[in-house]
Every structure is written in structure tokens, then in C-alpha cells.
Amino acid sequence: MNDETLTAKIIYVLFLASPVFGGITALIGLIIAYIQIGSGSGSSWLDSHYRFQIRTFWIGLLFFSIGALTAILLIGYLILLFVLIWLIIRCVVGFRYLNRSQAYPAPASWLF
């Protein structure tokens, strides 16, 4: 494993583990991503992954909150399922680009 990409890979794993651990691992991943993007030690292509991970956290939190608030109306459960699938896809796609040592092409995107 390339030492340069290890931190970004760990963050993706923390995000994937967050549904099991109540989101605390995602919060840890967010903090690490904020530290790494500001450190200047990473290359610009790695910074695109950190930006992508930061946006993944905040967008996921937004839709998770909407899903949790609307769960009483039952539609919230569909939203929560969507958020889970969305999170898995984003992390897998991010891993793919990271393994190829490529920048994430659209780190500001809301989807994938």
C-alpha cells in the first residue's frame, strides 16, 4: 500500500464503518480529512479526495438528518436506506480513483 494514500484509504474505511458504530468513525474521518487537507503534505490529487470525503460527511449528515426527522412518516426509512447506499457507492468510487493514484474528478459533486 502506498504510504501517500494510506490516510485517505483509512478515512474511506472509517466512513464505511460509520453505520455500524453510530457515526463516530465518520466524525473521526472528517477530523482527519480536515487535518490532511490543510497540512500541505499531500499532493493536489490527494487533496481532491480529502475534499470529496469532507463533502461526503456533510452531505451525508444533511440527508441522514432529514431521514431521521421524517422516519415518523415512514418515508424517512427510504431516505436512510438511500443515504446508506449513497455512502457505500461514494466510498467505493473514491477507493477506485485512489488505488489508481488519480484525483477524484468532481470532488464537489453531490452524487458520485
PDB file of N, CA and C in Angstrom:
ATOM      1  N   MET A   1       0.843  -1.167   0.000  1.00  0.00           N
ATOM      2  CA  MET A   1       0.000   0.000   0.000  1.00  0.00           C
ATOM      3  C   MET A   1       0.894   1.237   0.000  1.00  0.00           C
ATOM      4  N   ASN A   2       0.568   2.178  -0.833  1.00  0.00           N
ATOM      5  CA  ASN A   2       1.336   3.401  -0.947  1.00  0.00           C
ATOM      6  C   ASN A   2       1.119   4.249   0.304  1.00  0.00           C
ATOM      7  N   ASP A   3       2.218   4.619   0.983  1.00  0.00           N
ATOM      8  CA  ASP A   3       2.119   5.418   2.207  1.00  0.00           C
ATOM      9  C   ASP A   3       1.421   6.747   1.957  1.00  0.00           C
ATOM     10  N   GLU A   4       1.555   7.260   0.761  1.00  0.00           N
ATOM     11  CA  GLU A   4       0.961   8.542   0.402  1.00  0.00           C
ATOM     12  C   GLU A   4      -0.569   8.475   0.441  1.00  0.00           C
ATOM     13  N   THR A   5      -1.128   7.328   0.128  1.00  0.00           N
ATOM     14  CA  THR A   5      -2.582   7.189   0.062  1.00  0.00           C
ATOM     15  C   THR A   5      -3.180   6.513   1.300  1.00  0.00           C
ATOM     16  N   LEU A   6      -2.357   6.096   2.222  1.00  0.00           N
ATOM     17  CA  LEU A   6      -2.837   5.344   3.381  1.00  0.00           C
ATOM     18  C   LEU A   6      -3.867   6.124   4.191  1.00  0.00           C
ATOM     19  N   THR A   7      -3.608   7.388   4.455  1.00  0.00           N
ATOM     20  CA  THR A   7      -4.534   8.174   5.264  1.00  0.00           C
ATOM     21  C   THR A   7      -5.890   8.304   4.594  1.00  0.00           C
ATOM     22  N   ALA A   8      -5.904   8.574   3.301  1.00  0.00           N
ATOM     23  CA  ALA A   8      -7.170   8.690   2.573  1.00  0.00           C
ATOM     24  C   ALA A   8      -7.927   7.364   2.575  1.00  0.00           C
ATOM     25  N   LYS A   9      -7.210   6.263   2.456  1.00  0.00           N
ATOM     26  CA  LYS A   9      -7.869   4.944   2.500  1.00  0.00           C
ATOM     27  C   LYS A   9      -8.463   4.684   3.883  1.00  0.00           C
ATOM     28  N   ILE A  10      -7.756   5.064   4.906  1.00  0.00           N
ATOM     29  CA  ILE A  10      -8.267   4.891   6.269  1.00  0.00           C
ATOM     30  C   ILE A  10      -9.553   5.684   6.457  1.00  0.00           C
ATOM     31  N   ILE A  11      -9.591   6.890   5.908  1.00  0.00           N
ATOM     32  CA  ILE A  11     -10.798   7.716   6.025  1.00  0.00           C
ATOM     33  C   ILE A  11     -11.976   7.045   5.331  1.00  0.00           C
ATOM     34  N   TYR A  12     -11.755   6.503   4.128  1.00  0.00           N
ATOM     35  CA  TYR A  12     -12.838   5.788   3.450  1.00  0.00           C
ATOM     36  C   TYR A  12     -13.339   4.614   4.294  1.00  0.00           C
ATOM     37  N   VAL A  13     -12.432   3.878   4.913  1.00  0.00           N
ATOM     38  CA  VAL A  13     -12.825   2.749   5.762  1.00  0.00           C
ATOM     39  C   VAL A  13     -13.609   3.241   6.981  1.00  0.00           C
ATOM     40  N   LEU A  14     -13.172   4.345   7.567  1.00  0.00           N
ATOM     41  CA  LEU A  14     -13.898   4.904   8.708  1.00  0.00           C
ATOM     42  C   LEU A  14     -15.318   5.307   8.310  1.00  0.00           C
ATOM     43  N   PHE A  15     -15.464   5.874   7.123  1.00  0.00           N
ATOM     44  CA  PHE A  15     -16.796   6.245   6.641  1.00  0.00           C
ATOM     45  C   PHE A  15     -17.661   4.999   6.432  1.00  0.00           C
ATOM     46  N   LEU A  16     -17.073   3.955   5.863  1.00  0.00           N
ATOM     47  CA  LEU A  16     -17.840   2.726   5.628  1.00  0.00           C
ATOM     48  C   LEU A  16     -18.245   2.052   6.936  1.00  0.00           C
ATOM     49  N   ALA A  17     -17.450   2.223   7.980  1.00  0.00           N
ATOM     50  CA  ALA A  17     -17.756   1.620   9.276  1.00  0.00           C
ATOM     51  C   ALA A  17     -18.761   2.447  10.075  1.00  0.00           C
ATOM     52  N   SER A  18     -19.029   3.653   9.659  1.00  0.00           N
ATOM     53  CA  SER A  18     -19.869   4.553  10.456  1.00  0.00           C
ATOM     54  C   SER A  18     -21.290   4.056  10.699  1.00  0.00           C
ATOM     55  N   PRO A  19     -21.960   3.385   9.760  1.00  0.00           N
ATOM     56  CA  PRO A  19     -23.309   2.895  10.092  1.00  0.00           C
ATOM     57  C   PRO A  19     -23.304   1.871  11.223  1.00  0.00           C
ATOM     58  N   VAL A  20     -22.236   1.121  11.349  1.00  0.00           N
ATOM     59  CA  VAL A  20     -22.138   0.099  12.392  1.00  0.00           C
ATOM     60  C   VAL A  20     -21.840   0.724  13.753  1.00  0.00           C
ATOM     61  N   PHE A  21     -21.038   1.787  13.752  1.00  0.00           N
ATOM     62  CA  PHE A  21     -20.583   2.388  15.009  1.00  0.00           C
ATOM     63  C   PHE A  21     -21.277   3.709  15.335  1.00  0.00           C
ATOM     64  N   GLY A  22     -22.439   3.931  14.770  1.00  0.00           N
ATOM     65  CA  GLY A  22     -23.229   5.097  15.128  1.00  0.00           C
ATOM     66  C   GLY A  22     -22.690   6.421  14.627  1.00  0.00           C
ATOM     67  N   GLY A  23     -21.869   6.392  13.622  1.00  0.00           N
ATOM     68  CA  GLY A  23     -21.380   7.631  13.025  1.00  0.00           C
ATOM     69  C   GLY A  23     -20.113   8.190  13.633  1.00  0.00           C
ATOM     70  N   ILE A  24     -19.664   7.654  14.744  1.00  0.00           N
ATOM     71  CA  ILE A  24     -18.466   8.200  15.398  1.00  0.00           C
ATOM     72  C   ILE A  24     -17.223   8.031  14.527  1.00  0.00           C
ATOM     73  N   THR A  25     -17.151   6.938  13.776  1.00  0.00           N
ATOM     74  CA  THR A  25     -15.978   6.737  12.923  1.00  0.00           C
ATOM     75  C   THR A  25     -15.970   7.742  11.763  1.00  0.00           C
ATOM     76  N   ALA A  26     -17.154   8.120  11.298  1.00  0.00           N
ATOM     77  CA  ALA A  26     -17.226   9.142  10.244  1.00  0.00           C
ATOM     78  C   ALA A  26     -16.749  10.479  10.772  1.00  0.00           C
ATOM     79  N   LEU A  27     -17.085  10.793  12.011  1.00  0.00           N
ATOM     80  CA  LEU A  27     -16.625  12.038  12.621  1.00  0.00           C
ATOM     81  C   LEU A  27     -15.099  12.042  12.757  1.00  0.00           C
ATOM     82  N   ILE A  28     -14.538  10.916  13.136  1.00  0.00           N
ATOM     83  CA  ILE A  28     -13.077  10.789  13.220  1.00  0.00           C
ATOM     84  C   ILE A  28     -12.461  10.973  11.831  1.00  0.00           C
ATOM     85  N   GLY A  29     -13.067  10.349  10.822  1.00  0.00           N
ATOM     86  CA  GLY A  29     -12.588  10.504   9.455  1.00  0.00           C
ATOM     87  C   GLY A  29     -12.652  11.940   8.980  1.00  0.00           C
ATOM     88  N   LEU A  30     -13.716  12.649   9.348  1.00  0.00           N
ATOM     89  CA  LEU A  30     -13.853  14.059   8.983  1.00  0.00           C
ATOM     90  C   LEU A  30     -12.723  14.886   9.578  1.00  0.00           C
ATOM     91  N   ILE A  31     -12.443  14.665  10.840  1.00  0.00           N
ATOM     92  CA  ILE A  31     -11.366  15.418  11.504  1.00  0.00           C
ATOM     93  C   ILE A  31     -10.032  15.142  10.822  1.00  0.00           C
ATOM     94  N   ILE A  32      -9.757  13.894  10.521  1.00  0.00           N
ATOM     95  CA  ILE A  32      -8.500  13.540   9.843  1.00  0.00           C
ATOM     96  C   ILE A  32      -8.433  14.201   8.470  1.00  0.00           C
ATOM     97  N   ALA A  33      -9.544  14.200   7.727  1.00  0.00           N
ATOM     98  CA  ALA A  33      -9.561  14.815   6.395  1.00  0.00           C
ATOM     99  C   ALA A  33      -9.289  16.311   6.484  1.00  0.00           C
ATOM    100  N   TYR A  34      -9.894  16.982   7.464  1.00  0.00           N
ATOM    101  CA  TYR A  34      -9.636  18.418   7.635  1.00  0.00           C
ATOM    102  C   TYR A  34      -8.167  18.679   7.974  1.00  0.00           C
ATOM    103  N   ILE A  35      -7.581  17.839   8.790  1.00  0.00           N
ATOM    104  CA  ILE A  35      -6.161  17.999   9.143  1.00  0.00           C
ATOM    105  C   ILE A  35      -5.284  17.781   7.913  1.00  0.00           C
ATOM    106  N   GLN A  36      -5.583  16.764   7.132  1.00  0.00           N
ATOM    107  CA  GLN A  36      -4.753  16.430   5.977  1.00  0.00           C
ATOM    108  C   GLN A  36      -4.854  17.463   4.862  1.00  0.00           C
ATOM    109  N   ILE A  37      -6.041  17.986   4.618  1.00  0.00           N
ATOM    110  CA  ILE A  37      -6.195  18.928   3.522  1.00  0.00           C
ATOM    111  C   ILE A  37      -5.476  20.236   3.836  1.00  0.00           C
ATOM    112  N   GLY A  38      -5.332  20.564   5.077  1.00  0.00           N
ATOM    113  CA  GLY A  38      -4.665  21.799   5.450  1.00  0.00           C
ATOM    114  C   GLY A  38      -3.184  21.641   5.737  1.00  0.00           C
ATOM    115  N   SER A  39      -2.694  20.417   5.713  1.00  0.00           N
ATOM    116  CA  SER A  39      -1.300  20.186   6.113  1.00  0.00           C
ATOM    117  C   SER A  39      -0.291  20.555   5.041  1.00  0.00           C
ATOM    118  N   GLY A  40      -0.722  20.547   3.799  1.00  0.00           N
ATOM    119  CA  GLY A  40       0.199  20.862   2.715  1.00  0.00           C
ATOM    120  C   GLY A  40       1.132  19.722   2.382  1.00  0.00           C
ATOM    121  N   SER A  41       1.033  18.618   3.114  1.00  0.00           N
ATOM    122  CA  SER A  41       1.935  17.490   2.866  1.00  0.00           C
ATOM    123  C   SER A  41       1.466  16.631   1.703  1.00  0.00           C
ATOM    124  N   GLY A  42       0.184  16.681   1.421  1.00  0.00           N
ATOM    125  CA  GLY A  42      -0.361  15.861   0.344  1.00  0.00           C
ATOM    126  C   GLY A  42      -0.266  16.555  -0.999  1.00  0.00           C
ATOM    127  N   SER A  43      -0.328  15.762  -2.041  1.00  0.00           N
ATOM    128  CA  SER A  43      -0.324  16.341  -3.380  1.00  0.00           C
ATOM    129  C   SER A  43      -1.713  16.856  -3.712  1.00  0.00           C
ATOM    130  N   SER A  44      -1.835  17.591  -4.786  1.00  0.00           N
ATOM    131  CA  SER A  44      -3.120  18.174  -5.148  1.00  0.00           C
ATOM    132  C   SER A  44      -4.146  17.093  -5.490  1.00  0.00           C
ATOM    133  N   TRP A  45      -3.686  15.973  -6.047  1.00  0.00           N
ATOM    134  CA  TRP A  45      -4.652  14.920  -6.366  1.00  0.00           C
ATOM    135  C   TRP A  45      -5.187  14.268  -5.103  1.00  0.00           C
ATOM    136  N   LEU A  46      -4.388  14.197  -4.058  1.00  0.00           N
ATOM    137  CA  LEU A  46      -4.888  13.666  -2.788  1.00  0.00           C
ATOM    138  C   LEU A  46      -5.831  14.659  -2.112  1.00  0.00           C
ATOM    139  N   ASP A  47      -5.552  15.945  -2.280  1.00  0.00           N
ATOM    140  CA  ASP A  47      -6.446  16.952  -1.716  1.00  0.00           C
ATOM    141  C   ASP A  47      -7.848  16.829  -2.294  1.00  0.00           C
ATOM    142  N   SER A  48      -7.966  16.410  -3.548  1.00  0.00           N
ATOM    143  CA  SER A  48      -9.296  16.226  -4.138  1.00  0.00           C
ATOM    144  C   SER A  48     -10.053  15.121  -3.405  1.00  0.00           C
ATOM    145  N   HIS A  49      -9.355  14.099  -2.940  1.00  0.00           N
ATOM    146  CA  HIS A  49     -10.002  13.028  -2.168  1.00  0.00           C
ATOM    147  C   HIS A  49     -10.427  13.538  -0.793  1.00  0.00           C
ATOM    148  N   TYR A  50      -9.578  14.344  -0.161  1.00  0.00           N
ATOM    149  CA  TYR A  50      -9.942  14.879   1.146  1.00  0.00           C
ATOM    150  C   TYR A  50     -11.152  15.817   1.034  1.00  0.00           C
ATOM    151  N   ARG A  51     -11.197  16.636  -0.009  1.00  0.00           N
ATOM    152  CA  ARG A  51     -12.369  17.492  -0.234  1.00  0.00           C
ATOM    153  C   ARG A  51     -13.616  16.635  -0.444  1.00  0.00           C
ATOM    154  N   PHE A  52     -13.465  15.588  -1.238  1.00  0.00           N
ATOM    155  CA  PHE A  52     -14.572  14.672  -1.510  1.00  0.00           C
ATOM    156  C   PHE A  52     -15.054  14.024  -0.221  1.00  0.00           C
ATOM    157  N   GLN A  53     -14.139  13.613   0.635  1.00  0.00           N
ATOM    158  CA  GLN A  53     -14.509  12.967   1.887  1.00  0.00           C
ATOM    159  C   GLN A  53     -15.200  13.947   2.837  1.00  0.00           C
ATOM    160  N   ILE A  54     -14.716  15.165   2.878  1.00  0.00           N
ATOM    161  CA  ILE A  54     -15.344  16.180   3.727  1.00  0.00           C
ATOM    162  C   ILE A  54     -16.775  16.440   3.263  1.00  0.00           C
ATOM    163  N   ARG A  55     -16.947  16.582   1.954  1.00  0.00           N
ATOM    164  CA  ARG A  55     -18.298  16.800   1.415  1.00  0.00           C
ATOM    165  C   ARG A  55     -19.181  15.575   1.635  1.00  0.00           C
ATOM    166  N   THR A  56     -18.610  14.387   1.547  1.00  0.00           N
ATOM    167  CA  THR A  56     -19.382  13.175   1.806  1.00  0.00           C
ATOM    168  C   THR A  56     -19.947  13.198   3.215  1.00  0.00           C
ATOM    169  N   PHE A  57     -19.141  13.603   4.171  1.00  0.00           N
ATOM    170  CA  PHE A  57     -19.615  13.665   5.549  1.00  0.00           C
ATOM    171  C   PHE A  57     -20.769  14.649   5.690  1.00  0.00           C
ATOM    172  N   TRP A  58     -20.578  15.874   5.221  1.00  0.00           N
ATOM    173  CA  TRP A  58     -21.585  16.918   5.439  1.00  0.00           C
ATOM    174  C   TRP A  58     -22.871  16.656   4.656  1.00  0.00           C
ATOM    175  N   ILE A  59     -22.756  16.198   3.432  1.00  0.00           N
ATOM    176  CA  ILE A  59     -23.958  15.876   2.651  1.00  0.00           C
ATOM    177  C   ILE A  59     -24.669  14.684   3.283  1.00  0.00           C
ATOM    178  N   GLY A  60     -23.899  13.681   3.697  1.00  0.00           N
ATOM    179  CA  GLY A  60     -24.486  12.515   4.359  1.00  0.00           C
ATOM    180  C   GLY A  60     -25.195  12.895   5.649  1.00  0.00           C
ATOM    181  N   LEU A  61     -24.591  13.790   6.422  1.00  0.00           N
ATOM    182  CA  LEU A  61     -25.220  14.240   7.664  1.00  0.00           C
ATOM    183  C   LEU A  61     -26.527  14.972   7.376  1.00  0.00           C
ATOM    184  N   LEU A  62     -26.538  15.797   6.345  1.00  0.00           N
ATOM    185  CA  LEU A  62     -27.760  16.509   5.966  1.00  0.00           C
ATOM    186  C   LEU A  62     -28.894  15.533   5.643  1.00  0.00           C
ATOM    187  N   PHE A  63     -28.622  14.582   4.763  1.00  0.00           N
ATOM    188  CA  PHE A  63     -29.671  13.651   4.361  1.00  0.00           C
ATOM    189  C   PHE A  63     -30.015  12.648   5.459  1.00  0.00           C
ATOM    190  N   PHE A  64     -29.039  12.297   6.278  1.00  0.00           N
ATOM    191  CA  PHE A  64     -29.344  11.434   7.430  1.00  0.00           C
ATOM    192  C   PHE A  64     -30.292  12.155   8.377  1.00  0.00           C
ATOM    193  N   SER A  65     -30.048  13.441   8.611  1.00  0.00           N
ATOM    194  CA  SER A  65     -30.920  14.223   9.494  1.00  0.00           C
ATOM    195  C   SER A  65     -32.330  14.312   8.935  1.00  0.00           C
ATOM    196  N   ILE A  66     -32.435  14.543   7.640  1.00  0.00           N
ATOM    197  CA  ILE A  66     -33.749  14.597   7.002  1.00  0.00           C
ATOM    198  C   ILE A  66     -34.452  13.239   7.138  1.00  0.00           C
ATOM    199  N   GLY A  67     -33.718  12.169   6.907  1.00  0.00           N
ATOM    200  CA  GLY A  67     -34.289  10.833   7.037  1.00  0.00           C
ATOM    201  C   GLY A  67     -34.729  10.533   8.455  1.00  0.00           C
ATOM    202  N   ALA A  68     -33.911  10.922   9.424  1.00  0.00           N
ATOM    203  CA  ALA A  68     -34.259  10.661  10.823  1.00  0.00           C
ATOM    204  C   ALA A  68     -35.490  11.465  11.237  1.00  0.00           C
ATOM    205  N   LEU A  69     -35.569  12.708  10.785  1.00  0.00           N
ATOM    206  CA  LEU A  69     -36.708  13.551  11.142  1.00  0.00           C
ATOM    207  C   LEU A  69     -38.007  13.092  10.485  1.00  0.00           C
ATOM    208  N   THR A  70     -37.894  12.505   9.306  1.00  0.00           N
ATOM    209  CA  THR A  70     -39.099  12.066   8.588  1.00  0.00           C
ATOM    210  C   THR A  70     -39.391  10.574   8.783  1.00  0.00           C
ATOM    211  N   ALA A  71     -38.639   9.926   9.633  1.00  0.00           N
ATOM    212  CA  ALA A  71     -38.858   8.496   9.869  1.00  0.00           C
ATOM    213  C   ALA A  71     -40.239   8.242  10.466  1.00  0.00           C
ATOM    214  N   ILE A  72     -40.743   9.189  11.195  1.00  0.00           N
ATOM    215  CA  ILE A  72     -42.086   9.028  11.762  1.00  0.00           C
ATOM    216  C   ILE A  72     -43.138   8.940  10.662  1.00  0.00           C
ATOM    217  N   LEU A  73     -42.830   9.519   9.497  1.00  0.00           N
ATOM    218  CA  LEU A  73     -43.742   9.466   8.353  1.00  0.00           C
ATOM    219  C   LEU A  73     -43.463   8.269   7.449  1.00  0.00           C
ATOM    220  N   LEU A  74     -42.562   7.429   7.852  1.00  0.00           N
ATOM    221  CA  LEU A  74     -42.146   6.217   7.151  1.00  0.00           C
ATOM    222  C   LEU A  74     -41.302   6.490   5.909  1.00  0.00           C
ATOM    223  N   ILE A  75     -41.440   7.632   5.260  1.00  0.00           N
ATOM    224  CA  ILE A  75     -40.590   7.930   4.103  1.00  0.00           C
ATOM    225  C   ILE A  75     -39.141   8.100   4.536  1.00  0.00           C
ATOM    226  N   GLY A  76     -38.952   8.456   5.779  1.00  0.00           N
ATOM    227  CA  GLY A  76     -37.610   8.631   6.305  1.00  0.00           C
ATOM    228  C   GLY A  76     -36.768   7.376   6.222  1.00  0.00           C
ATOM    229  N   TYR A  77     -37.415   6.223   6.346  1.00  0.00           N
ATOM    230  CA  TYR A  77     -36.671   4.964   6.248  1.00  0.00           C
ATOM    231  C   TYR A  77     -36.123   4.759   4.840  1.00  0.00           C
ATOM    232  N   LEU A  78     -36.872   5.187   3.852  1.00  0.00           N
ATOM    233  CA  LEU A  78     -36.364   5.122   2.466  1.00  0.00           C
ATOM    234  C   LEU A  78     -35.200   6.083   2.271  1.00  0.00           C
ATOM    235  N   ILE A  79     -35.306   7.253   2.872  1.00  0.00           N
ATOM    236  CA  ILE A  79     -34.217   8.228   2.785  1.00  0.00           C
ATOM    237  C   ILE A  79     -32.974   7.670   3.465  1.00  0.00           C
ATOM    238  N   LEU A  80     -33.136   7.065   4.625  1.00  0.00           N
ATOM    239  CA  LEU A  80     -31.990   6.486   5.334  1.00  0.00           C
ATOM    240  C   LEU A  80     -31.360   5.346   4.535  1.00  0.00           C
ATOM    241  N   LEU A  81     -32.175   4.548   3.888  1.00  0.00           N
ATOM    242  CA  LEU A  81     -31.645   3.488   3.031  1.00  0.00           C
ATOM    243  C   LEU A  81     -30.866   4.089   1.862  1.00  0.00           C
ATOM    244  N   PHE A  82     -31.417   5.134   1.264  1.00  0.00           N
ATOM    245  CA  PHE A  82     -30.730   5.825   0.173  1.00  0.00           C
ATOM    246  C   PHE A  82     -29.381   6.361   0.639  1.00  0.00           C
ATOM    247  N   VAL A  83     -29.345   6.959   1.823  1.00  0.00           N
ATOM    248  CA  VAL A  83     -28.094   7.518   2.353  1.00  0.00           C
ATOM    249  C   VAL A  83     -27.058   6.415   2.537  1.00  0.00           C
ATOM    250  N   LEU A  84     -27.475   5.270   3.032  1.00  0.00           N
ATOM    251  CA  LEU A  84     -26.551   4.150   3.220  1.00  0.00           C
ATOM    252  C   LEU A  84     -25.973   3.679   1.884  1.00  0.00           C
ATOM    253  N   ILE A  85     -26.822   3.490   0.909  1.00  0.00           N
ATOM    254  CA  ILE A  85     -26.358   3.052  -0.416  1.00  0.00           C
ATOM    255  C   ILE A  85     -25.465   4.113  -1.049  1.00  0.00           C
ATOM    256  N   TRP A  86     -25.873   5.375  -0.922  1.00  0.00           N
ATOM    257  CA  TRP A  86     -25.106   6.507  -1.452  1.00  0.00           C
ATOM    258  C   TRP A  86     -23.706   6.544  -0.837  1.00  0.00           C
ATOM    259  N   LEU A  87     -23.623   6.355   0.479  1.00  0.00           N
ATOM    260  CA  LEU A  87     -22.337   6.373   1.176  1.00  0.00           C
ATOM    261  C   LEU A  87     -21.432   5.247   0.686  1.00  0.00           C
ATOM    262  N   ILE A  88     -21.974   4.058   0.550  1.00  0.00           N
ATOM    263  CA  ILE A  88     -21.183   2.917   0.093  1.00  0.00           C
ATOM    264  C   ILE A  88     -20.648   3.168  -1.320  1.00  0.00           C
ATOM    265  N   ILE A  89     -21.512   3.648  -2.200  1.00  0.00           N
ATOM    266  CA  ILE A  89     -21.084   3.896  -3.582  1.00  0.00           C
ATOM    267  C   ILE A  89     -20.011   4.969  -3.629  1.00  0.00           C
ATOM    268  N   ARG A  90     -20.193   6.059  -2.890  1.00  0.00           N
ATOM    269  CA  ARG A  90     -19.190   7.140  -2.888  1.00  0.00           C
ATOM    270  C   ARG A  90     -17.834   6.639  -2.397  1.00  0.00           C
ATOM    271  N   CYS A  91     -17.843   5.839  -1.354  1.00  0.00           N
ATOM    272  CA  CYS A  91     -16.574   5.332  -0.822  1.00  0.00           C
ATOM    273  C   CYS A  91     -15.910   4.356  -1.788  1.00  0.00           C
ATOM    274  N   VAL A  92     -16.681   3.493  -2.411  1.00  0.00           N
ATOM    275  CA  VAL A  92     -16.118   2.534  -3.365  1.00  0.00           C
ATOM    276  C   VAL A  92     -15.538   3.268  -4.581  1.00  0.00           C
ATOM    277  N   VAL A  93     -16.265   4.241  -5.093  1.00  0.00           N
ATOM    278  CA  VAL A  93     -15.767   5.012  -6.246  1.00  0.00           C
ATOM    279  C   VAL A  93     -14.507   5.786  -5.848  1.00  0.00           C
ATOM    280  N   GLY A  94     -14.511   6.373  -4.659  1.00  0.00           N
ATOM    281  CA  GLY A  94     -13.324   7.082  -4.182  1.00  0.00           C
ATOM    282  C   GLY A  94     -12.120   6.163  -4.053  1.00  0.00           C
ATOM    283  N   PHE A  95     -12.349   4.954  -3.526  1.00  0.00           N
ATOM    284  CA  PHE A  95     -11.288   3.950  -3.430  1.00  0.00           C
ATOM    285  C   PHE A  95     -10.709   3.627  -4.809  1.00  0.00           C
ATOM    286  N   ARG A  96     -11.577   3.491  -5.785  1.00  0.00           N
ATOM    287  CA  ARG A  96     -11.115   3.141  -7.139  1.00  0.00           C
ATOM    288  C   ARG A  96     -10.153   4.199  -7.678  1.00  0.00           C
ATOM    289  N   TYR A  97     -10.535   5.452  -7.560  1.00  0.00           N
ATOM    290  CA  TYR A  97      -9.650   6.520  -8.039  1.00  0.00           C
ATOM    291  C   TYR A  97      -8.369   6.581  -7.218  1.00  0.00           C
ATOM    292  N   LEU A  98      -8.488   6.366  -5.921  1.00  0.00           N
ATOM    293  CA  LEU A  98      -7.316   6.408  -5.046  1.00  0.00           C
ATOM    294  C   LEU A  98      -6.341   5.287  -5.379  1.00  0.00           C
ATOM    295  N   ASN A  99      -6.841   4.092  -5.643  1.00  0.00           N
ATOM    296  CA  ASN A  99      -5.974   2.965  -5.996  1.00  0.00           C
ATOM    297  C   ASN A  99      -5.258   3.182  -7.327  1.00  0.00           C
ATOM    298  N   ARG A 100      -5.853   3.987  -8.196  1.00  0.00           N
ATOM    299  CA  ARG A 100      -5.211   4.307  -9.480  1.00  0.00           C
ATOM    300  C   ARG A 100      -4.300   5.530  -9.375  1.00  0.00           C
ATOM    301  N   SER A 101      -4.175   6.077  -8.172  1.00  0.00           N
ATOM    302  CA  SER A 101      -3.406   7.304  -7.932  1.00  0.00           C
ATOM    303  C   SER A 101      -3.902   8.460  -8.798  1.00  0.00           C
ATOM    304  N   GLN A 102      -5.227   8.565  -8.880  1.00  0.00           N
ATOM    305  CA  GLN A 102      -5.863   9.627  -9.655  1.00  0.00           C
ATOM    306  C   GLN A 102      -6.655  10.535  -8.730  1.00  0.00           C
ATOM    307  N   ALA A 103      -6.737  11.786  -9.126  1.00  0.00           N
ATOM    308  CA  ALA A 103      -7.571  12.732  -8.389  1.00  0.00           C
ATOM    309  C   ALA A 103      -9.032  12.350  -8.561  1.00  0.00           C
ATOM    310  N   TYR A 104      -9.842  12.681  -7.573  1.00  0.00           N
ATOM    311  CA  TYR A 104     -11.269  12.468  -7.744  1.00  0.00           C
ATOM    312  C   TYR A 104     -11.752  13.543  -8.712  1.00  0.00           C
ATOM    313  N   PRO A 105     -12.406  13.148  -9.811  1.00  0.00           N
ATOM    314  CA  PRO A 105     -12.694  14.103 -10.884  1.00  0.00           C
ATOM    315  C   PRO A 105     -13.645  15.244 -10.504  1.00  0.00           C
ATOM    316  N   ALA A 106     -14.598  14.993  -9.621  1.00  0.00           N
ATOM    317  CA  ALA A 106     -15.563  16.037  -9.268  1.00  0.00           C
ATOM    318  C   ALA A 106     -15.812  15.990  -7.754  1.00  0.00           C
ATOM    319  N   PRO A 107     -14.839  16.455  -6.953  1.00  0.00           N
ATOM    320  CA  PRO A 107     -14.993  16.334  -5.507  1.00  0.00           C
ATOM    321  C   PRO A 107     -16.154  17.156  -4.938  1.00  0.00           C
ATOM    322  N   ALA A 108     -16.654  18.121  -5.686  1.00  0.00           N
ATOM    323  CA  ALA A 108     -17.757  18.946  -5.201  1.00  0.00           C
ATOM    324  C   ALA A 108     -19.121  18.398  -5.574  1.00  0.00           C
ATOM    325  N   SER A 109     -19.166  17.235  -6.207  1.00  0.00           N
ATOM    326  CA  SER A 109     -20.437  16.679  -6.654  1.00  0.00           C
ATOM    327  C   SER A 109     -21.273  16.179  -5.472  1.00  0.00           C
ATOM    328  N   TRP A 110     -22.577  16.148  -5.671  1.00  0.00           N
ATOM    329  CA  TRP A 110     -23.493  15.654  -4.642  1.00  0.00           C
ATOM    330  C   TRP A 110     -23.744  14.167  -4.803  1.00  0.00           C
ATOM    331  N   LEU A 111     -23.553  13.638  -5.989  1.00  0.00           N
ATOM    332  CA  LEU A 111     -23.828  12.217  -6.199  1.00  0.00           C
ATOM    333  C   LEU A 111     -22.555  11.401  -6.127  1.00  0.00           C
ATOM    334  N   PHE A 112     -22.023  11.008  -7.263  1.00  0.00           N
ATOM    335  CA  PHE A 112     -20.851  10.133  -7.264  1.00  0.00           C
ATOM    336  C   PHE A 112     -19.826  10.760  -8.109  1.00  0.00           C
TER     337      PHE A 112
END
